[in-house]
Amino acid sequence: MFTIAMGIPEMQEFWNDLCSKAASGIATKDEIKLYKKIGKAMYHISQNPRHTGLETHEITSL
């Protein structure tokens, strides 16, 4: 249905590093949490770009 492409080389490198750390079991607790969040978001985007879990929200600290 949809193809997800990482836009910039730095993001592709970051994602590949995160995947390899998660697969080998050396990722920190925060890295695992981020890996799951990004993976879930990419899954929802690929299946349905209008998924309710992809709604944006304001970041008050900014």
PDB file of N, CA and C in Angstrom:
ATOM      1  N   MET A   1       0.822  -1.176   0.000  1.00  0.00           N
ATOM      2  CA  MET A   1       0.000   0.000   0.000  1.00  0.00           C
ATOM      3  C   MET A   1       0.874   1.250   0.000  1.00  0.00           C
ATOM      4  N   PHE A   2       1.694   1.437   1.040  1.00  0.00           N
ATOM      5  CA  PHE A   2       2.557   2.600   1.144  1.00  0.00           C
ATOM      6  C   PHE A   2       3.991   2.145   1.329  1.00  0.00           C
ATOM      7  N   THR A   3       4.936   2.959   0.894  1.00  0.00           N
ATOM      8  CA  THR A   3       6.345   2.699   1.109  1.00  0.00           C
ATOM      9  C   THR A   3       6.905   3.808   1.985  1.00  0.00           C
ATOM     10  N   ILE A   4       7.566   3.440   3.052  1.00  0.00           N
ATOM     11  CA  ILE A   4       8.163   4.429   3.943  1.00  0.00           C
ATOM     12  C   ILE A   4       9.647   4.514   3.629  1.00  0.00           C
ATOM     13  N   ALA A   5      10.112   5.724   3.357  1.00  0.00           N
ATOM     14  CA  ALA A   5      11.527   5.944   3.081  1.00  0.00           C
ATOM     15  C   ALA A   5      12.052   6.975   4.074  1.00  0.00           C
ATOM     16  N   MET A   6      13.172   6.666   4.677  1.00  0.00           N
ATOM     17  CA  MET A   6      13.783   7.628   5.581  1.00  0.00           C
ATOM     18  C   MET A   6      14.312   8.787   4.745  1.00  0.00           C
ATOM     19  N   GLY A   7      13.963   9.995   5.117  1.00  0.00           N
ATOM     20  CA  GLY A   7      14.265  11.174   4.320  1.00  0.00           C
ATOM     21  C   GLY A   7      15.715  11.594   4.277  1.00  0.00           C
ATOM     22  N   ILE A   8      16.424  11.472   5.371  1.00  0.00           N
ATOM     23  CA  ILE A   8      17.798  11.942   5.396  1.00  0.00           C
ATOM     24  C   ILE A   8      18.710  10.817   5.847  1.00  0.00           C
ATOM     25  N   PRO A   9      19.963  10.841   5.381  1.00  0.00           N
ATOM     26  CA  PRO A   9      20.879   9.736   5.736  1.00  0.00           C
ATOM     27  C   PRO A   9      21.088   9.579   7.238  1.00  0.00           C
ATOM     28  N   GLU A  10      21.055  10.669   7.980  1.00  0.00           N
ATOM     29  CA  GLU A  10      21.250  10.576   9.420  1.00  0.00           C
ATOM     30  C   GLU A  10      20.135   9.773  10.081  1.00  0.00           C
ATOM     31  N   MET A  11      18.908   9.951   9.624  1.00  0.00           N
ATOM     32  CA  MET A  11      17.776   9.214  10.189  1.00  0.00           C
ATOM     33  C   MET A  11      17.884   7.734   9.849  1.00  0.00           C
ATOM     34  N   GLN A  12      18.291   7.432   8.620  1.00  0.00           N
ATOM     35  CA  GLN A  12      18.472   6.034   8.217  1.00  0.00           C
ATOM     36  C   GLN A  12      19.550   5.382   9.079  1.00  0.00           C
ATOM     37  N   GLU A  13      20.645   6.087   9.298  1.00  0.00           N
ATOM     38  CA  GLU A  13      21.728   5.564  10.121  1.00  0.00           C
ATOM     39  C   GLU A  13      21.274   5.384  11.569  1.00  0.00           C
ATOM     40  N   PHE A  14      20.517   6.346  12.099  1.00  0.00           N
ATOM     41  CA  PHE A  14      19.988   6.256  13.458  1.00  0.00           C
ATOM     42  C   PHE A  14      19.081   5.042  13.601  1.00  0.00           C
ATOM     43  N   TRP A  15      18.164   4.849  12.638  1.00  0.00           N
ATOM     44  CA  TRP A  15      17.227   3.731  12.695  1.00  0.00           C
ATOM     45  C   TRP A  15      17.960   2.399  12.604  1.00  0.00           C
ATOM     46  N   ASN A  16      18.928   2.293  11.691  1.00  0.00           N
ATOM     47  CA  ASN A  16      19.689   1.049  11.550  1.00  0.00           C
ATOM     48  C   ASN A  16      20.455   0.718  12.833  1.00  0.00           C
ATOM     49  N   ASP A  17      21.042   1.742  13.460  1.00  0.00           N
ATOM     50  CA  ASP A  17      21.764   1.543  14.713  1.00  0.00           C
ATOM     51  C   ASP A  17      20.814   1.079  15.813  1.00  0.00           C
ATOM     52  N   LEU A  18      19.652   1.718  15.883  1.00  0.00           N
ATOM     53  CA  LEU A  18      18.660   1.356  16.886  1.00  0.00           C
ATOM     54  C   LEU A  18      18.162  -0.076  16.686  1.00  0.00           C
ATOM     55  N   CYS A  19      17.927  -0.450  15.449  1.00  0.00           N
ATOM     56  CA  CYS A  19      17.481  -1.824  15.145  1.00  0.00           C
ATOM     57  C   CYS A  19      18.535  -2.851  15.528  1.00  0.00           C
ATOM     58  N   SER A  20      19.783  -2.571  15.197  1.00  0.00           N
ATOM     59  CA  SER A  20      20.838  -3.539  15.509  1.00  0.00           C
ATOM     60  C   SER A  20      21.040  -3.679  17.011  1.00  0.00           C
ATOM     61  N   LYS A  21      20.944  -2.568  17.750  1.00  0.00           N
ATOM     62  CA  LYS A  21      21.073  -2.645  19.207  1.00  0.00           C
ATOM     63  C   LYS A  21      19.922  -3.440  19.809  1.00  0.00           C
ATOM     64  N   ALA A  22      18.711  -3.199  19.321  1.00  0.00           N
ATOM     65  CA  ALA A  22      17.548  -3.917  19.843  1.00  0.00           C
ATOM     66  C   ALA A  22      17.649  -5.411  19.535  1.00  0.00           C
ATOM     67  N   ALA A  23      18.109  -5.747  18.339  1.00  0.00           N
ATOM     68  CA  ALA A  23      18.213  -7.152  17.944  1.00  0.00           C
ATOM     69  C   ALA A  23      19.292  -7.893  18.726  1.00  0.00           C
ATOM     70  N   SER A  24      20.381  -7.203  19.033  1.00  0.00           N
ATOM     71  CA  SER A  24      21.480  -7.872  19.737  1.00  0.00           C
ATOM     72  C   SER A  24      21.324  -7.840  21.250  1.00  0.00           C
ATOM     73  N   GLY A  25      20.352  -7.074  21.740  1.00  0.00           N
ATOM     74  CA  GLY A  25      20.090  -7.047  23.168  1.00  0.00           C
ATOM     75  C   GLY A  25      20.961  -6.087  23.957  1.00  0.00           C
ATOM     76  N   ILE A  26      21.643  -5.158  23.287  1.00  0.00           N
ATOM     77  CA  ILE A  26      22.511  -4.212  24.000  1.00  0.00           C
ATOM     78  C   ILE A  26      21.892  -2.821  24.114  1.00  0.00           C
ATOM     79  N   ALA A  27      20.652  -2.681  23.694  1.00  0.00           N
ATOM     80  CA  ALA A  27      19.982  -1.387  23.762  1.00  0.00           C
ATOM     81  C   ALA A  27      19.604  -1.067  25.204  1.00  0.00           C
ATOM     82  N   THR A  28      19.665   0.231  25.525  1.00  0.00           N
ATOM     83  CA  THR A  28      19.250   0.662  26.855  1.00  0.00           C
ATOM     84  C   THR A  28      17.723   0.637  26.938  1.00  0.00           C
ATOM     85  N   LYS A  29      17.222   0.820  28.133  1.00  0.00           N
ATOM     86  CA  LYS A  29      15.771   0.822  28.348  1.00  0.00           C
ATOM     87  C   LYS A  29      15.113   1.931  27.527  1.00  0.00           C
ATOM     88  N   ASP A  30      15.727   3.120  27.504  1.00  0.00           N
ATOM     89  CA  ASP A  30      15.179   4.245  26.735  1.00  0.00           C
ATOM     90  C   ASP A  30      15.231   3.991  25.233  1.00  0.00           C
ATOM     91  N   GLU A  31      16.309   3.343  24.760  1.00  0.00           N
ATOM     92  CA  GLU A  31      16.426   3.025  23.336  1.00  0.00           C
ATOM     93  C   GLU A  31      15.376   2.008  22.914  1.00  0.00           C
ATOM     94  N   ILE A  32      15.095   1.043  23.757  1.00  0.00           N
ATOM     95  CA  ILE A  32      14.066   0.047  23.454  1.00  0.00           C
ATOM     96  C   ILE A  32      12.698   0.720  23.373  1.00  0.00           C
ATOM     97  N   LYS A  33      12.432   1.622  24.301  1.00  0.00           N
ATOM     98  CA  LYS A  33      11.169   2.359  24.307  1.00  0.00           C
ATOM     99  C   LYS A  33      11.018   3.176  23.019  1.00  0.00           C
ATOM    100  N   LEU A  34      12.091   3.866  22.621  1.00  0.00           N
ATOM    101  CA  LEU A  34      12.069   4.662  21.393  1.00  0.00           C
ATOM    102  C   LEU A  34      11.901   3.778  20.162  1.00  0.00           C
ATOM    103  N   TYR A  35      12.593   2.640  20.147  1.00  0.00           N
ATOM    104  CA  TYR A  35      12.494   1.681  19.043  1.00  0.00           C
ATOM    105  C   TYR A  35      11.051   1.222  18.848  1.00  0.00           C
ATOM    106  N   LYS A  36      10.386   0.908  19.947  1.00  0.00           N
ATOM    107  CA  LYS A  36       8.999   0.456  19.873  1.00  0.00           C
ATOM    108  C   LYS A  36       8.073   1.569  19.399  1.00  0.00           C
ATOM    109  N   LYS A  37       8.287   2.791  19.892  1.00  0.00           N
ATOM    110  CA  LYS A  37       7.435   3.910  19.500  1.00  0.00           C
ATOM    111  C   LYS A  37       7.587   4.235  18.017  1.00  0.00           C
ATOM    112  N   ILE A  38       8.825   4.295  17.541  1.00  0.00           N
ATOM    113  CA  ILE A  38       9.062   4.608  16.128  1.00  0.00           C
ATOM    114  C   ILE A  38       8.522   3.494  15.244  1.00  0.00           C
ATOM    115  N   GLY A  39       8.767   2.248  15.647  1.00  0.00           N
ATOM    116  CA  GLY A  39       8.275   1.108  14.871  1.00  0.00           C
ATOM    117  C   GLY A  39       6.760   1.096  14.775  1.00  0.00           C
ATOM    118  N   LYS A  40       6.098   1.379  15.884  1.00  0.00           N
ATOM    119  CA  LYS A  40       4.636   1.416  15.895  1.00  0.00           C
ATOM    120  C   LYS A  40       4.112   2.537  15.006  1.00  0.00           C
ATOM    121  N   ALA A  41       4.738   3.703  15.099  1.00  0.00           N
ATOM    122  CA  ALA A  41       4.313   4.835  14.268  1.00  0.00           C
ATOM    123  C   ALA A  41       4.505   4.522  12.781  1.00  0.00           C
ATOM    124  N   MET A  42       5.640   3.915  12.429  1.00  0.00           N
ATOM    125  CA  MET A  42       5.871   3.576  11.014  1.00  0.00           C
ATOM    126  C   MET A  42       4.873   2.524  10.536  1.00  0.00           C
ATOM    127  N   TYR A  43       4.532   1.589  11.402  1.00  0.00           N
ATOM    128  CA  TYR A  43       3.535   0.582  11.034  1.00  0.00           C
ATOM    129  C   TYR A  43       2.187   1.249  10.746  1.00  0.00           C
ATOM    130  N   HIS A  44       1.761   2.131  11.646  1.00  0.00           N
ATOM    131  CA  HIS A  44       0.475   2.807  11.455  1.00  0.00           C
ATOM    132  C   HIS A  44       0.483   3.682  10.201  1.00  0.00           C
ATOM    133  N   ILE A  45       1.586   4.366   9.952  1.00  0.00           N
ATOM    134  CA  ILE A  45       1.679   5.200   8.749  1.00  0.00           C
ATOM    135  C   ILE A  45       1.576   4.334   7.498  1.00  0.00           C
ATOM    136  N   SER A  46       2.214   3.167   7.507  1.00  0.00           N
ATOM    137  CA  SER A  46       2.193   2.312   6.320  1.00  0.00           C
ATOM    138  C   SER A  46       0.820   1.693   6.081  1.00  0.00           C
ATOM    139  N   GLN A  47       0.070   1.442   7.153  1.00  0.00           N
ATOM    140  CA  GLN A  47      -1.243   0.823   7.010  1.00  0.00           C
ATOM    141  C   GLN A  47      -2.357   1.841   6.787  1.00  0.00           C
ATOM    142  N   ASN A  48      -2.301   2.947   7.513  1.00  0.00           N
ATOM    143  CA  ASN A  48      -3.354   3.953   7.443  1.00  0.00           C
ATOM    144  C   ASN A  48      -2.785   5.286   7.924  1.00  0.00           C
ATOM    145  N   PRO A  49      -2.421   6.173   7.003  1.00  0.00           N
ATOM    146  CA  PRO A  49      -1.836   7.456   7.405  1.00  0.00           C
ATOM    147  C   PRO A  49      -2.772   8.322   8.247  1.00  0.00           C
ATOM    148  N   ARG A  50      -4.044   7.991   8.294  1.00  0.00           N
ATOM    149  CA  ARG A  50      -4.998   8.749   9.099  1.00  0.00           C
ATOM    150  C   ARG A  50      -5.334   8.054  10.423  1.00  0.00           C
ATOM    151  N   HIS A  51      -4.527   7.113  10.820  1.00  0.00           N
ATOM    152  CA  HIS A  51      -4.750   6.373  12.064  1.00  0.00           C
ATOM    153  C   HIS A  51      -4.823   7.346  13.236  1.00  0.00           C
ATOM    154  N   THR A  52      -5.743   7.092  14.154  1.00  0.00           N
ATOM    155  CA  THR A  52      -5.944   8.013  15.279  1.00  0.00           C
ATOM    156  C   THR A  52      -4.731   8.084  16.201  1.00  0.00           C
ATOM    157  N   GLY A  53      -3.923   7.071  16.233  1.00  0.00           N
ATOM    158  CA  GLY A  53      -2.730   7.073  17.060  1.00  0.00           C
ATOM    159  C   GLY A  53      -1.631   7.979  16.534  1.00  0.00           C
ATOM    160  N   LEU A  54      -1.826   8.529  15.352  1.00  0.00           N
ATOM    161  CA  LEU A  54      -0.824   9.401  14.748  1.00  0.00           C
ATOM    162  C   LEU A  54      -1.165  10.878  14.894  1.00  0.00           C
ATOM    163  N   GLU A  55      -2.174  11.186  15.682  1.00  0.00           N
ATOM    164  CA  GLU A  55      -2.555  12.577  15.859  1.00  0.00           C
ATOM    165  C   GLU A  55      -1.421  13.359  16.511  1.00  0.00           C
ATOM    166  N   THR A  56      -1.242  14.578  16.071  1.00  0.00           N
ATOM    167  CA  THR A  56      -0.201  15.417  16.637  1.00  0.00           C
ATOM    168  C   THR A  56      -0.704  16.077  17.918  1.00  0.00           C
ATOM    169  N   HIS A  57       0.218  16.508  18.698  1.00  0.00           N
ATOM    170  CA  HIS A  57      -0.128  17.220  19.920  1.00  0.00           C
ATOM    171  C   HIS A  57       0.909  18.303  20.175  1.00  0.00           C
ATOM    172  N   GLU A  58       0.505  19.298  20.898  1.00  0.00           N
ATOM    173  CA  GLU A  58       1.396  20.416  21.199  1.00  0.00           C
ATOM    174  C   GLU A  58       2.369  20.008  22.319  1.00  0.00           C
ATOM    175  N   ILE A  59       3.619  20.414  22.163  1.00  0.00           N
ATOM    176  CA  ILE A  59       4.618  20.152  23.181  1.00  0.00           C
ATOM    177  C   ILE A  59       4.754  21.433  24.001  1.00  0.00           C
ATOM    178  N   THR A  60       4.271  21.387  25.224  1.00  0.00           N
ATOM    179  CA  THR A  60       4.196  22.602  26.037  1.00  0.00           C
ATOM    180  C   THR A  60       5.578  23.153  26.413  1.00  0.00           C
ATOM    181  N   SER A  61       6.571  22.309  26.529  1.00  0.00           N
ATOM    182  CA  SER A  61       7.912  22.788  26.904  1.00  0.00           C
ATOM    183  C   SER A  61       8.568  23.618  25.813  1.00  0.00           C
ATOM    184  N   LEU A  62       8.054  23.517  24.594  1.00  0.00           N
ATOM    185  CA  LEU A  62       8.601  24.331  23.503  1.00  0.00           C
ATOM    186  C   LEU A  62       7.850  25.630  23.429  1.00  0.00           C
TER     187      LEU A  62
END
